[in-house]
Amino acid sequence: ARILELADGRGYARCYASCPDTNAVLLERLGPPLATYRPAAEGSGAHDAMLCATLLEAWHPLAANPGLTTGAEKARWLAEFVESGWQRLGTPCSRDLVDRILARCAEREAAHDDARCVLVHGDPHAFNALLDPDADPAREQCRFVDPDGLFAEPEYDLGVIAREWSDAAYLADPVAEDARRCAHLAALTGLDAQAASSWGAIERVSTALVCLEIGEREAGERLLCAAAALDGA
C-alpha cells in the first residue's frame, strides 16, 4: 500500500484504502494481466515494449529515500541469497556460475548512485501488469500491481523483464539474444543495456533457486540452463 501511495497512480493501480491489521488493500478495478493479452503489434518483444512504456510512467525521482531498500542493499541481499541457496539446495549449478553472479552483484552494488535512483517496482513481469480499461483504445496500456518497491537504478526493473526470457529463440543463443534484447530495452527507455543484462542474470539465478526450493523444478532448471549459457559457465 505504501508503494502504491507513493506512486499515486503513475504507472500503478490506484490504492483507495488499506488496512495494515489485515494486510489488505482496495485497488481500482483494472483488466486482465498483460501475460494473457495478445498485443496488436506482432512479435516476441510486444509485451516487453508495453512493460517499458508503463515503467517510463512509473519511474519517478524521489526527493529522498523514504526508507525503501536501496539497489545496493538489494544486490548484497541477492548475493547472500544465491550463495546460501546454492549450498542449501545441494549445489544445483556450477560454482563458476555462482561466482560470476556474485561478481555481477558486487558490480551493481558498486554502481549504486542515489542521484540516479527512482521508485523501482522490483518485479514488473507480465502477470503484475494489468491492462487499463480506461486507456485510449489506440494506445494499449497497462498499470502495475504487487510492487516490491525499491530505491534503485531503473535498470533493475529491466533486469526483471530480461529474467523472463526463456523462449526457444533465446535458449538457442542466449549470448546474442540477451545482447540484442537488452539493447532493445535500452533503446526504449534510454538506459544502460549492460546494467539491465547484469540484473537479468542475477534475477534469473536467484529466481531459479526459488523455483527449485518450492518444487518448480522444470522452471528452475530452465532458468539455470539459460543463466549458465549466458555467463559461459
Foldseek 3Di string as FASTA:
>chain_A
DVLLVVQCPQQAWHWPDADVVVRDTDTDDFAAFQVVDDDPDDDPCPSVLQLLVSVLRRWDADPAPPPFAALLNVLVVLLVLLVVLCVVLPNPDDPVLNVVLNVLSVVQNVVWDLVQWTWEQQASDRRQWTWGPPDDPVDTHTGGDDGPTYRYHRLLNLLNVLLPDLDPVCLVQVQVVLQVVLVVSCVSNVDDSVNNSSSNLSVLQSVLSVCVVVVVPVSSVSSSSSSCNNVVD
